[in-house]
């Protein structure tokens, strides 16, 4: 049985929370390429503290966006209850595209390739949710069987990257995602 990680000391937890809050603000302001030194400065911690807690930029980005991604994944259940399988997949992927286009730095950081995403990552949560929705749409005969969840997430992520600098990223991400999804529906 795997050992549970020990809880952080109160001061370490406080530093963690300060770093995540500062990173969230900086990512919203300039994207995920924000200066780690500036994030540490805004958090009131040293660079070594930031790097000890978050060894890579990706670790920090994943932590900053994890809760929002979890909420996006949780949206799949009510969408599935309200819509047909294909309509729920479309609605959920539009929500993912819009959020990713508006959350500066997220789309630039997450990647979907042929390998399974690492457990606990933002990509893993999205991949599991997408796989369920894709399977339902395929089982209903609404979507081509050859399309995979990871392919769709790669497509949506690319759309988010393309739409993020438009004057209205949400509208662009939504319309481009719907246009792309029309191409995967069965005829």
N, C-alpha and C. Protein backbone atom coordinates (compact mmCIF):
# COMPACT_ATOMS: atom_id res chain seq x y z
N UNK A 1 0.85 -1.18 0.00
CA UNK A 1 0.00 0.00 0.00
C UNK A 1 0.89 1.24 0.00
N UNK A 2 0.60 2.19 -0.87
CA UNK A 2 1.41 3.41 -0.97
C UNK A 2 1.18 4.30 0.24
N UNK A 3 2.28 4.88 0.69
CA UNK A 3 2.20 5.79 1.82
C UNK A 3 1.61 7.11 1.40
N UNK A 4 0.74 7.65 2.23
CA UNK A 4 0.17 8.97 1.97
C UNK A 4 1.24 10.02 2.27
N UNK A 5 1.34 11.05 1.40
CA UNK A 5 2.31 12.10 1.69
C UNK A 5 1.92 12.83 2.98
N UNK A 6 2.95 13.21 3.71
CA UNK A 6 2.69 13.94 4.96
C UNK A 6 2.13 15.32 4.63
N UNK A 7 1.21 15.79 5.46
CA UNK A 7 0.70 17.14 5.23
C UNK A 7 1.83 18.16 5.41
N UNK A 8 1.71 19.27 4.70
CA UNK A 8 2.72 20.32 4.82
C UNK A 8 2.63 20.99 6.18
N UNK A 9 3.77 21.44 6.65
CA UNK A 9 3.77 22.27 7.86
C UNK A 9 2.96 23.53 7.56
N UNK A 10 2.49 24.20 8.58
CA UNK A 10 1.65 25.39 8.39
C UNK A 10 2.36 26.45 7.56
N UNK A 11 3.64 26.69 7.83
CA UNK A 11 4.36 27.72 7.07
C UNK A 11 4.58 27.28 5.63
N UNK A 12 4.83 26.00 5.42
CA UNK A 12 5.02 25.50 4.06
C UNK A 12 3.71 25.57 3.27
N UNK A 13 2.59 25.25 3.93
CA UNK A 13 1.28 25.35 3.28
C UNK A 13 0.97 26.80 2.94
N UNK A 14 1.29 27.71 3.84
CA UNK A 14 1.07 29.14 3.59
C UNK A 14 1.89 29.58 2.37
N UNK A 15 3.16 29.18 2.32
CA UNK A 15 4.00 29.53 1.18
C UNK A 15 3.45 28.95 -0.12
N UNK A 16 3.01 27.70 -0.06
CA UNK A 16 2.41 27.04 -1.22
C UNK A 16 1.22 27.87 -1.71
N UNK A 17 0.33 28.22 -0.80
CA UNK A 17 -0.86 28.98 -1.17
C UNK A 17 -0.51 30.35 -1.73
N UNK A 18 0.48 31.01 -1.14
CA UNK A 18 0.92 32.33 -1.64
C UNK A 18 1.50 32.21 -3.05
N UNK A 19 2.29 31.18 -3.28
CA UNK A 19 2.88 30.97 -4.61
C UNK A 19 1.79 30.71 -5.64
N UNK A 20 0.83 29.85 -5.32
CA UNK A 20 -0.24 29.53 -6.26
C UNK A 20 -1.08 30.78 -6.55
N UNK A 21 -1.38 31.57 -5.53
CA UNK A 21 -2.15 32.80 -5.75
C UNK A 21 -1.38 33.79 -6.62
N UNK A 22 -0.09 33.95 -6.35
CA UNK A 22 0.73 34.86 -7.15
C UNK A 22 0.85 34.35 -8.59
N UNK A 23 1.02 33.06 -8.75
CA UNK A 23 1.11 32.48 -10.10
C UNK A 23 -0.20 32.65 -10.85
N UNK A 24 -1.32 32.45 -10.18
CA UNK A 24 -2.62 32.64 -10.82
C UNK A 24 -2.76 34.05 -11.35
N UNK A 25 -2.38 35.02 -10.53
CA UNK A 25 -2.47 36.42 -10.94
C UNK A 25 -1.54 36.73 -12.10
N UNK A 26 -0.32 36.23 -12.03
CA UNK A 26 0.66 36.49 -13.11
C UNK A 26 0.27 35.77 -14.39
N UNK A 27 -0.22 34.54 -14.28
CA UNK A 27 -0.65 33.82 -15.48
C UNK A 27 -1.82 34.55 -16.14
N UNK A 28 -2.75 35.07 -15.33
CA UNK A 28 -3.87 35.82 -15.89
C UNK A 28 -3.39 37.10 -16.57
N UNK A 29 -2.33 37.68 -16.04
CA UNK A 29 -1.82 38.94 -16.58
C UNK A 29 -0.98 38.74 -17.83
N UNK A 30 -0.04 37.76 -17.81
CA UNK A 30 0.90 37.62 -18.93
C UNK A 30 0.98 36.21 -19.52
N UNK A 31 0.28 35.26 -18.95
CA UNK A 31 0.33 33.90 -19.47
C UNK A 31 1.28 33.02 -18.67
N UNK A 32 1.35 31.75 -19.06
CA UNK A 32 2.13 30.78 -18.28
C UNK A 32 3.63 30.95 -18.42
N UNK A 33 4.06 31.84 -19.29
CA UNK A 33 5.50 32.13 -19.41
C UNK A 33 5.91 33.25 -18.46
N UNK A 34 5.04 33.59 -17.52
CA UNK A 34 5.36 34.63 -16.54
C UNK A 34 6.67 34.30 -15.84
N UNK A 35 7.37 35.31 -15.46
CA UNK A 35 8.65 35.14 -14.78
C UNK A 35 8.45 34.44 -13.43
N UNK A 36 9.17 33.35 -13.24
CA UNK A 36 9.09 32.64 -11.95
C UNK A 36 9.67 33.51 -10.84
N UNK A 37 10.67 34.31 -11.17
CA UNK A 37 11.24 35.24 -10.19
C UNK A 37 10.18 36.25 -9.74
N UNK A 38 9.39 36.74 -10.70
CA UNK A 38 8.33 37.71 -10.37
C UNK A 38 7.25 37.04 -9.53
N UNK A 39 6.93 35.80 -9.84
CA UNK A 39 5.94 35.07 -9.05
C UNK A 39 6.43 34.91 -7.62
N UNK A 40 7.68 34.51 -7.45
CA UNK A 40 8.25 34.36 -6.10
C UNK A 40 8.22 35.70 -5.37
N UNK A 41 8.61 36.77 -6.07
CA UNK A 41 8.62 38.10 -5.45
C UNK A 41 7.21 38.49 -5.00
N UNK A 42 6.23 38.31 -5.87
CA UNK A 42 4.85 38.67 -5.52
C UNK A 42 4.31 37.80 -4.37
N UNK A 43 4.78 36.57 -4.29
CA UNK A 43 4.35 35.67 -3.21
C UNK A 43 5.07 35.97 -1.90
N UNK A 44 6.15 36.75 -1.98
CA UNK A 44 6.92 37.07 -0.78
C UNK A 44 7.79 35.92 -0.32
N UNK A 45 8.20 35.08 -1.27
CA UNK A 45 9.08 33.95 -0.94
C UNK A 45 10.32 34.03 -1.83
N UNK A 46 11.32 33.30 -1.47
CA UNK A 46 12.53 33.24 -2.28
C UNK A 46 12.34 32.31 -3.47
N UNK A 47 13.19 32.49 -4.45
CA UNK A 47 13.16 31.65 -5.64
C UNK A 47 13.37 30.18 -5.27
N UNK A 48 14.23 29.93 -4.31
CA UNK A 48 14.50 28.54 -3.89
C UNK A 48 13.24 27.89 -3.31
N UNK A 49 12.45 28.66 -2.57
CA UNK A 49 11.21 28.14 -2.00
C UNK A 49 10.24 27.76 -3.12
N UNK A 50 10.12 28.62 -4.12
CA UNK A 50 9.24 28.33 -5.25
C UNK A 50 9.70 27.05 -5.94
N UNK A 51 10.99 26.95 -6.24
CA UNK A 51 11.51 25.79 -6.97
C UNK A 51 11.50 24.51 -6.13
N UNK A 52 11.59 24.63 -4.83
CA UNK A 52 11.51 23.44 -3.98
C UNK A 52 10.09 22.88 -4.02
N UNK A 53 9.11 23.77 -4.00
CA UNK A 53 7.72 23.34 -4.00
C UNK A 53 7.24 22.94 -5.40
N UNK A 54 7.74 23.66 -6.42
CA UNK A 54 7.34 23.42 -7.81
C UNK A 54 8.61 23.32 -8.65
N UNK A 55 9.18 22.12 -8.77
CA UNK A 55 10.46 21.95 -9.46
C UNK A 55 10.45 22.41 -10.93
N UNK A 56 9.29 22.33 -11.59
CA UNK A 56 9.22 22.77 -12.98
C UNK A 56 8.07 23.76 -13.15
N UNK A 57 8.16 24.56 -14.19
CA UNK A 57 7.08 25.49 -14.52
C UNK A 57 5.78 24.71 -14.72
N UNK A 58 5.88 23.56 -15.38
CA UNK A 58 4.70 22.74 -15.64
C UNK A 58 4.01 22.32 -14.34
N UNK A 59 4.79 21.99 -13.32
CA UNK A 59 4.21 21.62 -12.03
C UNK A 59 3.36 22.77 -11.48
N UNK A 60 3.88 23.98 -11.60
CA UNK A 60 3.16 25.16 -11.11
C UNK A 60 1.90 25.41 -11.94
N UNK A 61 2.03 25.34 -13.25
CA UNK A 61 0.87 25.56 -14.12
C UNK A 61 -0.22 24.53 -13.84
N UNK A 62 0.17 23.27 -13.71
CA UNK A 62 -0.81 22.21 -13.43
C UNK A 62 -1.54 22.48 -12.11
N UNK A 63 -0.82 22.93 -11.10
CA UNK A 63 -1.44 23.22 -9.81
C UNK A 63 -2.40 24.39 -9.92
N UNK A 64 -1.98 25.43 -10.62
CA UNK A 64 -2.82 26.63 -10.75
C UNK A 64 -4.15 26.29 -11.44
N UNK A 65 -4.11 25.48 -12.48
CA UNK A 65 -5.31 25.22 -13.26
C UNK A 65 -6.08 23.97 -12.84
N UNK A 66 -5.57 23.20 -11.90
CA UNK A 66 -6.17 21.90 -11.54
C UNK A 66 -7.63 22.01 -11.11
N UNK A 67 -7.97 22.96 -10.27
CA UNK A 67 -9.34 23.07 -9.77
C UNK A 67 -10.31 23.43 -10.89
N UNK A 68 -9.93 24.36 -11.75
CA UNK A 68 -10.81 24.74 -12.85
C UNK A 68 -11.01 23.57 -13.82
N UNK A 69 -9.96 22.82 -14.05
CA UNK A 69 -10.07 21.65 -14.94
C UNK A 69 -10.99 20.61 -14.30
N UNK A 70 -10.86 20.40 -13.00
CA UNK A 70 -11.75 19.46 -12.31
C UNK A 70 -13.21 19.90 -12.47
N UNK A 71 -13.46 21.19 -12.32
CA UNK A 71 -14.83 21.69 -12.48
C UNK A 71 -15.33 21.49 -13.90
N UNK A 72 -14.47 21.71 -14.89
CA UNK A 72 -14.85 21.45 -16.28
C UNK A 72 -15.22 19.98 -16.47
N UNK A 73 -14.41 19.11 -15.91
CA UNK A 73 -14.68 17.67 -16.04
C UNK A 73 -16.00 17.30 -15.36
N UNK A 74 -16.27 17.91 -14.21
CA UNK A 74 -17.52 17.64 -13.50
C UNK A 74 -18.75 18.09 -14.29
N UNK A 75 -18.60 19.04 -15.19
CA UNK A 75 -19.71 19.53 -16.01
C UNK A 75 -20.22 18.46 -16.98
N UNK A 76 -19.42 17.46 -17.27
CA UNK A 76 -19.83 16.44 -18.24
C UNK A 76 -21.06 15.68 -17.78
N UNK A 77 -21.19 15.44 -16.48
CA UNK A 77 -22.33 14.66 -15.98
C UNK A 77 -23.65 15.38 -16.23
N UNK A 78 -23.81 16.63 -15.78
CA UNK A 78 -25.09 17.28 -16.06
C UNK A 78 -25.35 17.47 -17.56
N UNK A 79 -24.31 17.73 -18.33
CA UNK A 79 -24.50 17.86 -19.78
C UNK A 79 -25.01 16.55 -20.37
N UNK A 80 -24.49 15.42 -19.89
CA UNK A 80 -24.92 14.11 -20.38
C UNK A 80 -26.37 13.82 -20.02
N UNK A 81 -26.81 14.34 -18.88
CA UNK A 81 -28.19 14.13 -18.45
C UNK A 81 -29.17 15.02 -19.21
N UNK A 82 -28.68 16.15 -19.72
CA UNK A 82 -29.55 17.13 -20.37
C UNK A 82 -29.62 16.97 -21.90
N UNK A 83 -28.63 16.32 -22.51
CA UNK A 83 -28.51 16.31 -23.96
C UNK A 83 -28.27 14.90 -24.50
N UNK A 84 -28.39 14.78 -25.80
CA UNK A 84 -28.01 13.54 -26.48
C UNK A 84 -26.50 13.36 -26.32
N UNK A 85 -26.00 12.15 -26.57
CA UNK A 85 -24.55 11.94 -26.42
C UNK A 85 -23.71 12.90 -27.26
N UNK A 86 -24.06 13.11 -28.52
CA UNK A 86 -23.26 14.00 -29.36
C UNK A 86 -23.40 15.45 -28.91
N UNK A 87 -24.59 15.85 -28.54
CA UNK A 87 -24.80 17.23 -28.08
C UNK A 87 -24.05 17.49 -26.78
N UNK A 88 -24.01 16.50 -25.89
CA UNK A 88 -23.28 16.70 -24.63
C UNK A 88 -21.78 16.77 -24.90
N UNK A 89 -21.26 15.96 -25.82
CA UNK A 89 -19.84 16.03 -26.18
C UNK A 89 -19.53 17.40 -26.78
N UNK A 90 -20.36 17.85 -27.71
CA UNK A 90 -20.14 19.16 -28.34
C UNK A 90 -20.15 20.27 -27.29
N UNK A 91 -21.15 20.27 -26.43
CA UNK A 91 -21.27 21.33 -25.42
C UNK A 91 -20.06 21.32 -24.48
N UNK A 92 -19.63 20.13 -24.08
CA UNK A 92 -18.49 20.04 -23.17
C UNK A 92 -17.20 20.50 -23.85
N UNK A 93 -16.97 20.07 -25.08
CA UNK A 93 -15.76 20.48 -25.78
C UNK A 93 -15.74 21.98 -26.04
N UNK A 94 -16.90 22.58 -26.28
CA UNK A 94 -16.95 24.04 -26.42
C UNK A 94 -16.56 24.70 -25.10
N UNK A 95 -17.07 24.18 -23.98
CA UNK A 95 -16.69 24.74 -22.68
C UNK A 95 -15.19 24.62 -22.45
N UNK A 96 -14.61 23.48 -22.81
CA UNK A 96 -13.16 23.30 -22.66
C UNK A 96 -12.41 24.30 -23.54
N UNK A 97 -12.83 24.45 -24.78
CA UNK A 97 -12.15 25.37 -25.71
C UNK A 97 -12.25 26.81 -25.23
N UNK A 98 -13.42 27.21 -24.79
CA UNK A 98 -13.61 28.59 -24.32
C UNK A 98 -12.76 28.85 -23.08
N UNK A 99 -12.81 27.93 -22.12
CA UNK A 99 -12.01 28.12 -20.91
C UNK A 99 -10.52 28.18 -21.25
N UNK A 100 -10.06 27.26 -22.08
CA UNK A 100 -8.64 27.22 -22.43
C UNK A 100 -8.20 28.47 -23.19
N UNK A 101 -9.07 29.00 -24.03
CA UNK A 101 -8.72 30.22 -24.78
C UNK A 101 -8.65 31.43 -23.86
N UNK A 102 -9.46 31.43 -22.80
CA UNK A 102 -9.50 32.57 -21.89
C UNK A 102 -8.50 32.47 -20.75
N UNK A 103 -8.13 31.26 -20.37
CA UNK A 103 -7.18 31.05 -19.26
C UNK A 103 -5.78 31.17 -19.82
N UNK A 104 -5.23 32.36 -19.76
CA UNK A 104 -3.94 32.63 -20.40
C UNK A 104 -2.88 31.63 -19.92
N UNK A 105 -2.29 30.98 -20.89
CA UNK A 105 -1.21 30.06 -20.59
C UNK A 105 -1.60 28.60 -20.51
N UNK A 106 -2.87 28.31 -20.29
CA UNK A 106 -3.27 26.91 -20.14
C UNK A 106 -3.08 26.14 -21.45
N UNK A 107 -3.65 26.65 -22.52
CA UNK A 107 -3.57 25.93 -23.80
C UNK A 107 -2.14 25.77 -24.28
N UNK A 108 -1.28 26.73 -23.94
CA UNK A 108 0.13 26.64 -24.34
C UNK A 108 0.88 25.57 -23.56
N UNK A 109 0.35 25.20 -22.42
CA UNK A 109 1.06 24.29 -21.52
C UNK A 109 0.59 22.85 -21.64
N UNK A 110 -0.71 22.64 -21.78
CA UNK A 110 -1.19 21.26 -21.84
C UNK A 110 -0.96 20.68 -23.22
N UNK A 111 -0.68 19.41 -23.24
CA UNK A 111 -0.39 18.71 -24.49
C UNK A 111 -1.04 17.33 -24.47
N UNK A 112 -1.56 16.96 -25.62
CA UNK A 112 -2.10 15.63 -25.80
C UNK A 112 -1.35 14.99 -26.95
N UNK A 113 -0.79 13.83 -26.70
CA UNK A 113 -0.10 13.11 -27.77
C UNK A 113 -0.58 11.66 -27.74
N UNK A 114 0.16 10.79 -28.35
CA UNK A 114 -0.27 9.40 -28.42
C UNK A 114 -0.14 8.65 -27.10
N UNK A 115 0.66 9.18 -26.20
CA UNK A 115 0.87 8.53 -24.90
C UNK A 115 -0.25 8.94 -23.93
N UNK A 116 -0.51 8.07 -22.98
CA UNK A 116 -1.47 8.40 -21.95
C UNK A 116 -0.92 9.54 -21.09
N UNK A 117 -1.76 10.52 -20.76
CA UNK A 117 -1.28 11.63 -19.91
C UNK A 117 -0.90 11.12 -18.52
N UNK A 118 0.03 11.81 -17.86
CA UNK A 118 0.43 11.40 -16.51
C UNK A 118 -0.75 11.45 -15.54
N UNK A 119 -0.85 10.46 -14.67
CA UNK A 119 -1.90 10.44 -13.65
C UNK A 119 -1.88 11.74 -12.85
N UNK A 120 -3.06 12.25 -12.56
CA UNK A 120 -3.18 13.44 -11.74
C UNK A 120 -2.98 14.74 -12.49
N UNK A 121 -2.62 14.67 -13.76
CA UNK A 121 -2.39 15.90 -14.54
C UNK A 121 -3.71 16.45 -15.04
N UNK A 122 -3.69 17.72 -15.42
CA UNK A 122 -4.88 18.32 -16.04
C UNK A 122 -5.28 17.53 -17.28
N UNK A 123 -4.28 17.12 -18.06
CA UNK A 123 -4.55 16.35 -19.27
C UNK A 123 -5.27 15.04 -18.95
N UNK A 124 -4.87 14.37 -17.88
CA UNK A 124 -5.48 13.09 -17.53
C UNK A 124 -6.96 13.26 -17.21
N UNK A 125 -7.29 14.28 -16.43
CA UNK A 125 -8.69 14.53 -16.11
C UNK A 125 -9.52 14.80 -17.35
N UNK A 126 -8.99 15.63 -18.22
CA UNK A 126 -9.69 15.93 -19.47
C UNK A 126 -9.82 14.69 -20.35
N UNK A 127 -8.76 13.89 -20.42
CA UNK A 127 -8.76 12.70 -21.28
C UNK A 127 -9.78 11.67 -20.81
N UNK A 128 -9.87 11.45 -19.51
CA UNK A 128 -10.83 10.48 -18.98
C UNK A 128 -12.26 10.94 -19.28
N UNK A 129 -12.53 12.20 -19.02
CA UNK A 129 -13.87 12.73 -19.27
C UNK A 129 -14.22 12.68 -20.74
N UNK A 130 -13.30 13.12 -21.59
CA UNK A 130 -13.55 13.11 -23.04
C UNK A 130 -13.78 11.69 -23.53
N UNK A 131 -13.02 10.72 -23.01
CA UNK A 131 -13.17 9.33 -23.46
C UNK A 131 -14.58 8.81 -23.19
N UNK A 132 -15.14 9.15 -22.04
CA UNK A 132 -16.50 8.71 -21.70
C UNK A 132 -17.50 9.33 -22.67
N UNK A 133 -17.37 10.63 -22.91
CA UNK A 133 -18.31 11.32 -23.80
C UNK A 133 -18.17 10.84 -25.25
N UNK A 134 -16.94 10.63 -25.68
CA UNK A 134 -16.70 10.14 -27.05
C UNK A 134 -17.30 8.75 -27.22
N UNK A 135 -17.07 7.87 -26.26
CA UNK A 135 -17.60 6.50 -26.35
C UNK A 135 -19.13 6.54 -26.43
N UNK A 136 -19.77 7.39 -25.63
CA UNK A 136 -21.23 7.49 -25.66
C UNK A 136 -21.72 7.95 -27.03
N UNK A 137 -21.05 8.96 -27.60
CA UNK A 137 -21.44 9.47 -28.92
C UNK A 137 -21.21 8.40 -30.00
N UNK A 138 -20.12 7.67 -29.89
CA UNK A 138 -19.85 6.60 -30.86
C UNK A 138 -20.86 5.46 -30.71
N UNK A 139 -21.16 5.08 -29.48
CA UNK A 139 -22.14 4.02 -29.25
C UNK A 139 -23.52 4.40 -29.77
N UNK A 140 -23.83 5.69 -29.75
CA UNK A 140 -25.12 6.17 -30.25
C UNK A 140 -25.12 6.30 -31.77
N UNK A 141 -23.94 6.08 -32.39
CA UNK A 141 -23.84 6.19 -33.84
C UNK A 141 -23.76 7.62 -34.34
N UNK A 142 -23.45 8.55 -33.45
CA UNK A 142 -23.42 9.97 -33.80
C UNK A 142 -22.05 10.46 -34.22
N UNK A 143 -21.03 9.65 -33.97
CA UNK A 143 -19.67 10.10 -34.23
C UNK A 143 -18.87 8.98 -34.85
N UNK A 144 -17.99 9.35 -35.74
CA UNK A 144 -17.14 8.36 -36.40
C UNK A 144 -16.37 7.53 -35.37
N UNK A 145 -16.31 6.24 -35.60
CA UNK A 145 -15.63 5.33 -34.66
C UNK A 145 -14.13 5.54 -34.63
N UNK A 146 -13.56 6.07 -35.69
CA UNK A 146 -12.10 6.22 -35.76
C UNK A 146 -11.57 7.42 -34.98
N UNK A 147 -12.45 8.27 -34.47
CA UNK A 147 -12.02 9.47 -33.75
C UNK A 147 -11.77 9.11 -32.28
N UNK A 148 -10.62 9.53 -31.76
CA UNK A 148 -10.31 9.26 -30.35
C UNK A 148 -10.47 10.52 -29.51
N UNK A 149 -10.62 10.30 -28.22
CA UNK A 149 -10.73 11.41 -27.28
C UNK A 149 -9.47 12.28 -27.32
N UNK A 150 -8.30 11.66 -27.38
CA UNK A 150 -7.06 12.44 -27.41
C UNK A 150 -6.94 13.26 -28.69
N UNK A 151 -7.44 12.72 -29.80
CA UNK A 151 -7.44 13.51 -31.04
C UNK A 151 -8.32 14.75 -30.89
N UNK A 152 -9.49 14.56 -30.31
CA UNK A 152 -10.40 15.69 -30.12
C UNK A 152 -9.81 16.73 -29.18
N UNK A 153 -9.19 16.28 -28.11
CA UNK A 153 -8.59 17.22 -27.17
C UNK A 153 -7.42 17.97 -27.80
N UNK A 154 -6.66 17.30 -28.64
CA UNK A 154 -5.58 17.97 -29.37
C UNK A 154 -6.16 19.04 -30.29
N UNK A 155 -7.22 18.70 -30.99
CA UNK A 155 -7.89 19.64 -31.88
C UNK A 155 -8.41 20.85 -31.10
N UNK A 156 -9.11 20.61 -30.01
CA UNK A 156 -9.68 21.69 -29.21
C UNK A 156 -8.57 22.54 -28.60
N UNK A 157 -7.49 21.92 -28.18
CA UNK A 157 -6.38 22.69 -27.62
C UNK A 157 -5.77 23.60 -28.69
N UNK A 158 -5.62 23.08 -29.90
CA UNK A 158 -5.12 23.90 -31.00
C UNK A 158 -6.04 25.07 -31.31
N UNK A 159 -7.33 24.82 -31.27
CA UNK A 159 -8.30 25.89 -31.47
C UNK A 159 -8.16 26.94 -30.38
N UNK A 160 -7.99 26.51 -29.15
CA UNK A 160 -7.83 27.45 -28.03
C UNK A 160 -6.60 28.32 -28.22
N UNK A 161 -5.51 27.72 -28.67
CA UNK A 161 -4.29 28.48 -28.92
C UNK A 161 -4.54 29.51 -30.03
N UNK A 162 -5.22 29.08 -31.09
CA UNK A 162 -5.50 29.99 -32.21
C UNK A 162 -6.44 31.12 -31.80
N UNK A 163 -7.39 30.85 -30.91
CA UNK A 163 -8.41 31.83 -30.55
C UNK A 163 -8.00 32.77 -29.43
N UNK A 164 -6.98 32.44 -28.68
CA UNK A 164 -6.67 33.20 -27.46
C UNK A 164 -6.36 34.67 -27.70
N UNK A 165 -5.83 35.01 -28.87
CA UNK A 165 -5.48 36.40 -29.14
C UNK A 165 -6.51 37.13 -29.99
N UNK A 166 -7.63 36.49 -30.30
CA UNK A 166 -8.71 37.15 -31.03
C UNK A 166 -9.35 38.20 -30.13
N UNK A 167 -10.06 39.13 -30.74
CA UNK A 167 -10.71 40.18 -29.94
C UNK A 167 -11.73 39.60 -28.98
N UNK A 168 -12.36 38.50 -29.35
CA UNK A 168 -13.30 37.80 -28.46
C UNK A 168 -12.92 36.32 -28.45
N UNK A 169 -11.95 35.95 -27.58
CA UNK A 169 -11.47 34.56 -27.58
C UNK A 169 -12.58 33.53 -27.36
N UNK A 170 -13.54 33.84 -26.49
CA UNK A 170 -14.60 32.87 -26.20
C UNK A 170 -15.45 32.60 -27.44
N UNK A 171 -15.86 33.65 -28.13
CA UNK A 171 -16.68 33.48 -29.32
C UNK A 171 -15.91 32.74 -30.42
N UNK A 172 -14.65 33.09 -30.59
CA UNK A 172 -13.83 32.43 -31.60
C UNK A 172 -13.63 30.96 -31.28
N UNK A 173 -13.30 30.66 -30.02
CA UNK A 173 -13.09 29.26 -29.62
C UNK A 173 -14.36 28.46 -29.80
N UNK A 174 -15.48 29.04 -29.43
CA UNK A 174 -16.76 28.35 -29.55
C UNK A 174 -17.10 28.06 -31.01
N UNK A 175 -17.04 29.07 -31.86
CA UNK A 175 -17.44 28.87 -33.26
C UNK A 175 -16.48 27.94 -33.99
N UNK A 176 -15.18 28.06 -33.73
CA UNK A 176 -14.21 27.17 -34.38
C UNK A 176 -14.36 25.72 -33.91
N UNK A 177 -14.64 25.54 -32.63
CA UNK A 177 -14.84 24.18 -32.11
C UNK A 177 -16.07 23.54 -32.74
N UNK A 178 -17.16 24.28 -32.81
CA UNK A 178 -18.37 23.74 -33.43
C UNK A 178 -18.15 23.41 -34.90
N UNK A 179 -17.42 24.26 -35.59
CA UNK A 179 -17.10 24.01 -37.00
C UNK A 179 -16.30 22.71 -37.14
N UNK A 180 -15.29 22.54 -36.30
CA UNK A 180 -14.47 21.33 -36.35
C UNK A 180 -15.27 20.08 -36.00
N UNK A 181 -16.15 20.20 -35.01
CA UNK A 181 -16.93 19.03 -34.58
C UNK A 181 -17.93 18.59 -35.64
N UNK A 182 -18.35 19.51 -36.49
CA UNK A 182 -19.24 19.11 -37.59
C UNK A 182 -18.55 18.09 -38.49
N UNK A 183 -17.23 18.16 -38.56
CA UNK A 183 -16.48 17.25 -39.41
C UNK A 183 -16.33 15.84 -38.87
N UNK A 184 -16.63 15.63 -37.59
CA UNK A 184 -16.47 14.29 -37.01
C UNK A 184 -17.79 13.56 -36.84
N UNK A 185 -18.88 14.27 -37.08
CA UNK A 185 -20.19 13.64 -36.94
C UNK A 185 -20.39 12.63 -38.08
N UNK A 186 -21.16 11.61 -37.80
CA UNK A 186 -21.47 10.65 -38.86
C UNK A 186 -22.42 11.32 -39.83
N UNK A 187 -22.40 10.84 -41.03
CA UNK A 187 -23.24 11.46 -42.08
C UNK A 187 -24.41 10.55 -42.40
